[in-house]
């Protein structure tokens, strides 16, 4: 599950920041911008999760969705939940300011691109056909 990868990378980010402090890239007060990214990511995830529940569809990428959502954050990103998680990881990296912390949001995006997004988009195309293909043309994958 994407959440498991997110949580593992979050833990690694925090642990490696303290145990492998490979130089600082960002310093106070710039690091405060990380809190804005963190809050934005959390808000995006909560909003997206609420939309999944309201539309009675699953957030689990390996299950078949019951609905095709194009409202809210789905107007600007086909994968707003992954975007939210990436923003949280990026926010933590900015707060820490250490070089190694910036590795984890990149790894997260690469994992989502390799393991989950292709499966989800294949399923959505199979289930919703032309509507989903048109949506893909209008809305970017990440933002």
N, C-alpha and C. Protein backbone atom coordinates (compact mmCIF):
# COMPACT_ATOMS: atom_id res chain seq x y z
N UNK A 1 0.83 -1.20 0.00
CA UNK A 1 0.00 0.00 0.00
C UNK A 1 0.87 1.26 0.00
N UNK A 2 0.44 2.28 -0.72
CA UNK A 2 1.20 3.53 -0.75
C UNK A 2 1.44 4.14 0.63
N UNK A 3 0.46 4.01 1.51
CA UNK A 3 0.60 4.57 2.85
C UNK A 3 1.76 3.92 3.60
N UNK A 4 1.95 2.63 3.40
CA UNK A 4 3.07 1.94 4.06
C UNK A 4 4.41 2.48 3.58
N UNK A 5 4.52 2.70 2.28
CA UNK A 5 5.75 3.29 1.74
C UNK A 5 5.95 4.70 2.30
N UNK A 6 4.87 5.47 2.34
CA UNK A 6 4.95 6.83 2.88
C UNK A 6 5.44 6.81 4.32
N UNK A 7 4.83 5.97 5.15
CA UNK A 7 5.20 5.92 6.57
C UNK A 7 6.64 5.43 6.76
N UNK A 8 7.04 4.44 5.96
CA UNK A 8 8.42 3.94 6.05
C UNK A 8 9.42 5.03 5.65
N UNK A 9 9.12 5.74 4.58
CA UNK A 9 10.02 6.81 4.14
C UNK A 9 10.03 7.97 5.12
N UNK A 10 8.89 8.26 5.73
CA UNK A 10 8.83 9.31 6.75
C UNK A 10 9.73 8.94 7.93
N UNK A 11 9.62 7.70 8.38
CA UNK A 11 10.45 7.24 9.49
C UNK A 11 11.93 7.29 9.12
N UNK A 12 12.26 6.83 7.92
CA UNK A 12 13.65 6.88 7.47
C UNK A 12 14.16 8.31 7.37
N UNK A 13 13.31 9.21 6.92
CA UNK A 13 13.70 10.62 6.81
C UNK A 13 14.06 11.19 8.17
N UNK A 14 13.21 10.93 9.14
CA UNK A 14 13.44 11.46 10.49
C UNK A 14 14.67 10.82 11.13
N UNK A 15 14.77 9.50 11.02
CA UNK A 15 15.90 8.78 11.61
C UNK A 15 17.21 9.21 10.96
N UNK A 16 17.23 9.24 9.63
CA UNK A 16 18.49 9.57 8.95
C UNK A 16 18.89 11.03 9.18
N UNK A 17 17.92 11.91 9.38
CA UNK A 17 18.24 13.30 9.68
C UNK A 17 19.07 13.40 10.96
N UNK A 18 18.72 12.59 11.95
CA UNK A 18 19.42 12.65 13.23
C UNK A 18 20.68 11.79 13.28
N UNK A 19 20.68 10.67 12.53
CA UNK A 19 21.81 9.74 12.63
C UNK A 19 22.78 9.83 11.46
N UNK A 20 22.36 10.44 10.36
CA UNK A 20 23.25 10.63 9.21
C UNK A 20 23.11 12.08 8.74
N UNK A 21 23.52 13.02 9.57
CA UNK A 21 23.32 14.44 9.23
C UNK A 21 24.34 14.92 8.18
N UNK A 22 24.04 14.63 6.91
CA UNK A 22 24.96 14.97 5.82
C UNK A 22 24.76 16.41 5.35
N UNK A 23 25.27 17.33 6.09
CA UNK A 23 25.25 18.73 5.67
C UNK A 23 23.88 19.36 5.57
N UNK A 24 23.85 20.64 5.81
CA UNK A 24 22.60 21.40 5.75
C UNK A 24 22.53 22.14 4.41
N UNK A 25 21.34 22.10 3.82
CA UNK A 25 21.07 22.88 2.62
C UNK A 25 20.28 24.14 2.95
N UNK A 26 19.39 24.01 3.93
CA UNK A 26 18.50 25.11 4.30
C UNK A 26 18.63 25.42 5.78
N UNK A 27 18.49 26.67 6.11
CA UNK A 27 18.60 27.12 7.49
C UNK A 27 17.40 27.97 7.87
N UNK A 28 17.23 28.17 9.18
CA UNK A 28 16.23 29.08 9.70
C UNK A 28 16.46 30.45 9.09
N UNK A 29 15.48 31.19 8.68
CA UNK A 29 14.03 31.01 8.77
C UNK A 29 13.43 30.29 7.57
N UNK A 30 14.26 29.95 6.56
CA UNK A 30 13.75 29.27 5.36
C UNK A 30 13.08 27.95 5.71
N UNK A 31 13.59 27.27 6.72
CA UNK A 31 13.04 25.96 7.08
C UNK A 31 11.58 26.04 7.51
N UNK A 32 11.13 27.23 7.92
CA UNK A 32 9.72 27.38 8.30
C UNK A 32 8.78 27.15 7.12
N UNK A 33 9.27 27.31 5.90
CA UNK A 33 8.45 27.05 4.71
C UNK A 33 8.02 25.58 4.67
N UNK A 34 8.80 24.72 5.31
CA UNK A 34 8.45 23.31 5.37
C UNK A 34 7.12 23.07 6.06
N UNK A 35 6.80 23.90 7.04
CA UNK A 35 5.52 23.74 7.74
C UNK A 35 4.35 24.03 6.80
N UNK A 36 4.51 24.97 5.91
CA UNK A 36 3.47 25.26 4.93
C UNK A 36 3.26 24.06 3.99
N UNK A 37 4.37 23.47 3.54
CA UNK A 37 4.27 22.27 2.71
C UNK A 37 3.62 21.12 3.47
N UNK A 38 4.02 20.95 4.71
CA UNK A 38 3.48 19.89 5.56
C UNK A 38 1.97 20.05 5.74
N UNK A 39 1.54 21.24 6.09
CA UNK A 39 0.11 21.51 6.29
C UNK A 39 -0.67 21.36 4.99
N UNK A 40 -0.09 21.82 3.88
CA UNK A 40 -0.74 21.68 2.58
C UNK A 40 -0.92 20.20 2.23
N UNK A 41 0.11 19.40 2.44
CA UNK A 41 0.04 17.98 2.15
C UNK A 41 -0.98 17.26 3.00
N UNK A 42 -1.01 17.56 4.29
CA UNK A 42 -1.99 16.93 5.19
C UNK A 42 -3.40 17.33 4.79
N UNK A 43 -3.61 18.61 4.50
CA UNK A 43 -4.93 19.09 4.09
C UNK A 43 -5.38 18.42 2.80
N UNK A 44 -4.48 18.30 1.85
CA UNK A 44 -4.79 17.64 0.59
C UNK A 44 -5.19 16.19 0.80
N UNK A 45 -4.48 15.49 1.67
CA UNK A 45 -4.82 14.09 1.96
C UNK A 45 -6.17 13.97 2.64
N UNK A 46 -6.44 14.82 3.60
CA UNK A 46 -7.74 14.76 4.30
C UNK A 46 -8.89 15.08 3.34
N UNK A 47 -8.71 16.07 2.50
CA UNK A 47 -9.73 16.46 1.53
C UNK A 47 -10.00 15.31 0.55
N UNK A 48 -8.91 14.73 0.03
CA UNK A 48 -9.04 13.62 -0.92
C UNK A 48 -9.70 12.42 -0.26
N UNK A 49 -9.30 12.09 0.95
CA UNK A 49 -9.90 10.97 1.67
C UNK A 49 -11.40 11.19 1.87
N UNK A 50 -11.78 12.42 2.20
CA UNK A 50 -13.20 12.74 2.38
C UNK A 50 -13.97 12.52 1.08
N UNK A 51 -13.38 12.92 -0.05
CA UNK A 51 -14.04 12.72 -1.34
C UNK A 51 -14.22 11.24 -1.66
N UNK A 52 -13.21 10.44 -1.35
CA UNK A 52 -13.33 9.00 -1.56
C UNK A 52 -14.50 8.44 -0.73
N UNK A 53 -14.60 8.86 0.51
CA UNK A 53 -15.68 8.37 1.38
C UNK A 53 -17.04 8.87 0.91
N UNK A 54 -17.13 10.14 0.53
CA UNK A 54 -18.40 10.69 0.04
C UNK A 54 -18.88 9.97 -1.21
N UNK A 55 -17.94 9.56 -2.05
CA UNK A 55 -18.28 8.87 -3.30
C UNK A 55 -18.31 7.36 -3.15
N UNK A 56 -18.15 6.90 -1.91
CA UNK A 56 -18.21 5.47 -1.57
C UNK A 56 -17.32 4.63 -2.49
N UNK A 57 -16.09 5.08 -2.63
CA UNK A 57 -15.12 4.34 -3.43
C UNK A 57 -13.86 4.10 -2.59
N UNK A 58 -13.02 3.23 -3.06
CA UNK A 58 -11.86 2.81 -2.29
C UNK A 58 -10.64 3.70 -2.53
N UNK A 59 -9.81 3.81 -1.52
CA UNK A 59 -8.52 4.49 -1.67
C UNK A 59 -7.42 3.48 -1.98
N UNK A 60 -7.75 2.20 -1.92
CA UNK A 60 -6.76 1.15 -2.13
C UNK A 60 -6.55 0.92 -3.62
N UNK A 61 -5.31 1.11 -4.08
CA UNK A 61 -5.04 1.06 -5.52
C UNK A 61 -5.26 -0.31 -6.16
N UNK A 62 -5.22 -1.38 -5.39
CA UNK A 62 -5.39 -2.71 -5.97
C UNK A 62 -6.85 -3.13 -6.05
N UNK A 63 -7.76 -2.34 -5.45
CA UNK A 63 -9.18 -2.65 -5.52
C UNK A 63 -9.84 -1.84 -6.63
N UNK A 64 -10.96 -2.34 -7.12
CA UNK A 64 -11.68 -1.66 -8.20
C UNK A 64 -12.46 -0.47 -7.66
N UNK A 65 -12.23 0.71 -8.23
CA UNK A 65 -12.97 1.89 -7.75
C UNK A 65 -14.44 1.83 -8.14
N UNK A 66 -15.29 2.34 -7.29
CA UNK A 66 -16.73 2.37 -7.55
C UNK A 66 -17.15 3.67 -8.21
N UNK A 67 -16.27 4.66 -8.19
CA UNK A 67 -16.61 5.97 -8.75
C UNK A 67 -15.37 6.60 -9.37
N UNK A 68 -15.63 7.49 -10.30
CA UNK A 68 -14.58 8.26 -10.97
C UNK A 68 -14.74 9.70 -10.51
N UNK A 69 -13.81 10.17 -9.68
CA UNK A 69 -13.92 11.49 -9.05
C UNK A 69 -13.11 12.51 -9.85
N UNK A 70 -13.76 13.62 -10.19
CA UNK A 70 -13.07 14.69 -10.93
C UNK A 70 -13.23 16.04 -10.25
N UNK A 71 -13.80 16.05 -9.07
CA UNK A 71 -14.02 17.31 -8.36
C UNK A 71 -12.93 17.55 -7.32
N UNK A 72 -12.98 18.72 -6.70
CA UNK A 72 -12.01 19.05 -5.65
C UNK A 72 -10.60 19.02 -6.18
N UNK A 73 -9.68 18.42 -5.44
CA UNK A 73 -8.27 18.41 -5.86
C UNK A 73 -8.04 17.59 -7.13
N UNK A 74 -9.00 16.74 -7.49
CA UNK A 74 -8.88 15.95 -8.72
C UNK A 74 -9.01 16.81 -9.97
N UNK A 75 -9.39 18.08 -9.80
CA UNK A 75 -9.44 19.01 -10.94
C UNK A 75 -8.04 19.42 -11.37
N UNK A 76 -7.07 19.33 -10.46
CA UNK A 76 -5.70 19.77 -10.79
C UNK A 76 -4.66 18.65 -10.72
N UNK A 77 -5.02 17.51 -10.14
CA UNK A 77 -4.09 16.39 -10.02
C UNK A 77 -4.86 15.08 -10.12
N UNK A 78 -4.37 14.15 -10.94
CA UNK A 78 -5.03 12.85 -11.03
C UNK A 78 -4.73 12.00 -9.81
N UNK A 79 -3.72 12.37 -9.05
CA UNK A 79 -3.33 11.59 -7.88
C UNK A 79 -3.06 12.52 -6.69
N UNK A 80 -4.09 13.23 -6.23
CA UNK A 80 -3.86 14.21 -5.16
C UNK A 80 -3.43 13.60 -3.83
N UNK A 81 -3.81 12.36 -3.57
CA UNK A 81 -3.39 11.75 -2.31
C UNK A 81 -1.88 11.50 -2.32
N UNK A 82 -1.36 11.02 -3.44
CA UNK A 82 0.09 10.82 -3.55
C UNK A 82 0.80 12.17 -3.52
N UNK A 83 0.22 13.16 -4.16
CA UNK A 83 0.79 14.51 -4.13
C UNK A 83 0.85 15.02 -2.70
N UNK A 84 -0.22 14.79 -1.93
CA UNK A 84 -0.23 15.22 -0.53
C UNK A 84 0.85 14.54 0.28
N UNK A 85 1.02 13.24 0.08
CA UNK A 85 2.06 12.51 0.80
C UNK A 85 3.45 13.02 0.42
N UNK A 86 3.65 13.28 -0.88
CA UNK A 86 4.94 13.80 -1.34
C UNK A 86 5.20 15.18 -0.73
N UNK A 87 4.16 16.01 -0.63
CA UNK A 87 4.33 17.34 -0.02
C UNK A 87 4.68 17.24 1.46
N UNK A 88 4.09 16.27 2.15
CA UNK A 88 4.43 16.08 3.56
C UNK A 88 5.91 15.69 3.69
N UNK A 89 6.35 14.75 2.87
CA UNK A 89 7.76 14.34 2.91
C UNK A 89 8.68 15.50 2.54
N UNK A 90 8.28 16.29 1.55
CA UNK A 90 9.07 17.46 1.17
C UNK A 90 9.08 18.50 2.29
N UNK A 91 7.93 18.67 2.93
CA UNK A 91 7.86 19.60 4.06
C UNK A 91 8.81 19.21 5.18
N UNK A 92 8.84 17.93 5.50
CA UNK A 92 9.76 17.44 6.54
C UNK A 92 11.21 17.67 6.10
N UNK A 93 11.49 17.44 4.82
CA UNK A 93 12.85 17.67 4.31
C UNK A 93 13.25 19.14 4.45
N UNK A 94 12.34 20.04 4.13
CA UNK A 94 12.64 21.47 4.25
C UNK A 94 12.82 21.85 5.72
N UNK A 95 11.98 21.32 6.59
CA UNK A 95 12.10 21.61 8.03
C UNK A 95 13.46 21.13 8.54
N UNK A 96 13.85 19.92 8.16
CA UNK A 96 15.16 19.40 8.58
C UNK A 96 16.29 20.16 7.92
N UNK A 97 16.12 20.44 6.64
CA UNK A 97 17.13 21.18 5.90
C UNK A 97 18.37 20.39 5.53
N UNK A 98 18.43 19.11 5.89
CA UNK A 98 19.62 18.30 5.60
C UNK A 98 19.51 17.64 4.22
N UNK A 99 20.65 17.43 3.61
CA UNK A 99 20.70 16.87 2.26
C UNK A 99 19.95 15.55 2.17
N UNK A 100 20.20 14.65 3.10
CA UNK A 100 19.62 13.30 3.01
C UNK A 100 18.09 13.33 3.08
N UNK A 101 17.52 14.29 3.78
CA UNK A 101 16.07 14.37 3.91
C UNK A 101 15.38 14.59 2.57
N UNK A 102 16.06 15.23 1.63
CA UNK A 102 15.46 15.50 0.32
C UNK A 102 15.43 14.27 -0.58
N UNK A 103 16.10 13.22 -0.17
CA UNK A 103 16.09 11.97 -0.93
C UNK A 103 14.72 11.28 -0.84
N UNK A 104 14.07 11.35 0.28
CA UNK A 104 12.86 10.56 0.53
C UNK A 104 11.63 10.99 -0.27
N UNK A 105 11.37 12.28 -0.48
CA UNK A 105 10.24 12.62 -1.35
C UNK A 105 10.48 12.14 -2.79
N UNK A 106 11.72 12.18 -3.24
CA UNK A 106 12.05 11.72 -4.59
C UNK A 106 11.81 10.22 -4.69
N UNK A 107 12.27 9.46 -3.71
CA UNK A 107 12.05 8.01 -3.69
C UNK A 107 10.55 7.71 -3.69
N UNK A 108 9.79 8.45 -2.89
CA UNK A 108 8.34 8.23 -2.82
C UNK A 108 7.69 8.41 -4.20
N UNK A 109 8.00 9.51 -4.87
CA UNK A 109 7.42 9.77 -6.19
C UNK A 109 7.82 8.66 -7.17
N UNK A 110 9.07 8.24 -7.14
CA UNK A 110 9.52 7.17 -8.03
C UNK A 110 8.78 5.86 -7.75
N UNK A 111 8.57 5.54 -6.48
CA UNK A 111 7.84 4.32 -6.13
C UNK A 111 6.39 4.38 -6.60
N UNK A 112 5.74 5.53 -6.41
CA UNK A 112 4.35 5.66 -6.85
C UNK A 112 4.26 5.53 -8.37
N UNK A 113 5.22 6.15 -9.07
CA UNK A 113 5.24 6.08 -10.54
C UNK A 113 5.48 4.65 -11.03
N UNK A 114 6.26 3.89 -10.31
CA UNK A 114 6.61 2.54 -10.74
C UNK A 114 5.60 1.48 -10.29
N UNK A 115 5.10 1.60 -9.07
CA UNK A 115 4.32 0.52 -8.48
C UNK A 115 2.81 0.72 -8.47
N UNK A 116 2.35 1.93 -8.36
CA UNK A 116 0.91 2.14 -8.12
C UNK A 116 0.19 2.90 -9.22
N UNK A 117 0.76 3.98 -9.69
CA UNK A 117 0.06 4.80 -10.68
C UNK A 117 -0.25 4.03 -11.97
N UNK A 118 0.67 3.25 -12.52
CA UNK A 118 0.32 2.51 -13.75
C UNK A 118 -0.86 1.55 -13.55
N UNK A 119 -0.90 0.86 -12.42
CA UNK A 119 -2.00 -0.06 -12.14
C UNK A 119 -3.31 0.70 -12.00
N UNK A 120 -3.29 1.79 -11.25
CA UNK A 120 -4.51 2.59 -11.06
C UNK A 120 -5.02 3.13 -12.38
N UNK A 121 -4.12 3.69 -13.17
CA UNK A 121 -4.57 4.32 -14.42
C UNK A 121 -5.05 3.28 -15.42
N UNK A 122 -4.45 2.09 -15.41
CA UNK A 122 -4.94 1.01 -16.27
C UNK A 122 -6.34 0.60 -15.85
N UNK A 123 -6.56 0.44 -14.54
CA UNK A 123 -7.89 0.07 -14.04
C UNK A 123 -8.93 1.14 -14.36
N UNK A 124 -8.57 2.40 -14.15
CA UNK A 124 -9.52 3.48 -14.42
C UNK A 124 -9.85 3.58 -15.90
N UNK A 125 -8.87 3.35 -16.76
CA UNK A 125 -9.12 3.36 -18.20
C UNK A 125 -10.03 2.20 -18.58
N UNK A 126 -9.78 1.04 -18.02
CA UNK A 126 -10.60 -0.14 -18.30
C UNK A 126 -12.04 0.09 -17.85
N UNK A 127 -12.21 0.67 -16.67
CA UNK A 127 -13.56 0.86 -16.11
C UNK A 127 -14.32 2.04 -16.70
N UNK A 128 -13.61 3.14 -16.95
CA UNK A 128 -14.30 4.37 -17.34
C UNK A 128 -14.00 4.82 -18.77
N UNK A 129 -13.15 4.07 -19.47
CA UNK A 129 -12.91 4.27 -20.89
C UNK A 129 -12.58 5.68 -21.32
N UNK A 130 -13.33 6.15 -22.32
CA UNK A 130 -13.08 7.45 -22.93
C UNK A 130 -13.15 8.58 -21.91
N UNK A 131 -14.04 8.49 -20.95
CA UNK A 131 -14.13 9.54 -19.93
C UNK A 131 -12.80 9.71 -19.19
N UNK A 132 -12.17 8.58 -18.85
CA UNK A 132 -10.90 8.68 -18.14
C UNK A 132 -9.78 9.14 -19.07
N UNK A 133 -9.80 8.67 -20.31
CA UNK A 133 -8.78 9.11 -21.27
C UNK A 133 -8.87 10.62 -21.52
N UNK A 134 -10.09 11.14 -21.61
CA UNK A 134 -10.28 12.59 -21.76
C UNK A 134 -9.78 13.33 -20.52
N UNK A 135 -10.06 12.77 -19.36
CA UNK A 135 -9.60 13.36 -18.09
C UNK A 135 -8.08 13.41 -18.05
N UNK A 136 -7.43 12.33 -18.50
CA UNK A 136 -5.96 12.29 -18.53
C UNK A 136 -5.38 13.40 -19.40
N UNK A 137 -6.08 13.73 -20.48
CA UNK A 137 -5.61 14.79 -21.38
C UNK A 137 -5.74 16.17 -20.75
N UNK A 138 -6.72 16.33 -19.87
CA UNK A 138 -7.00 17.64 -19.27
C UNK A 138 -6.27 17.88 -17.95
N UNK A 139 -6.04 16.82 -17.19
CA UNK A 139 -5.50 16.97 -15.83
C UNK A 139 -4.15 16.28 -15.73
N UNK A 140 -3.19 17.00 -15.19
CA UNK A 140 -1.84 16.46 -15.04
C UNK A 140 -1.81 15.35 -13.98
N UNK A 141 -0.82 14.51 -14.11
CA UNK A 141 -0.69 13.38 -13.17
C UNK A 141 -0.45 13.87 -11.75
N UNK A 142 0.48 14.77 -11.57
CA UNK A 142 0.83 15.23 -10.22
C UNK A 142 0.22 16.59 -9.91
N UNK A 143 0.48 17.58 -10.71
CA UNK A 143 -0.12 18.92 -10.50
C UNK A 143 0.30 19.85 -11.61
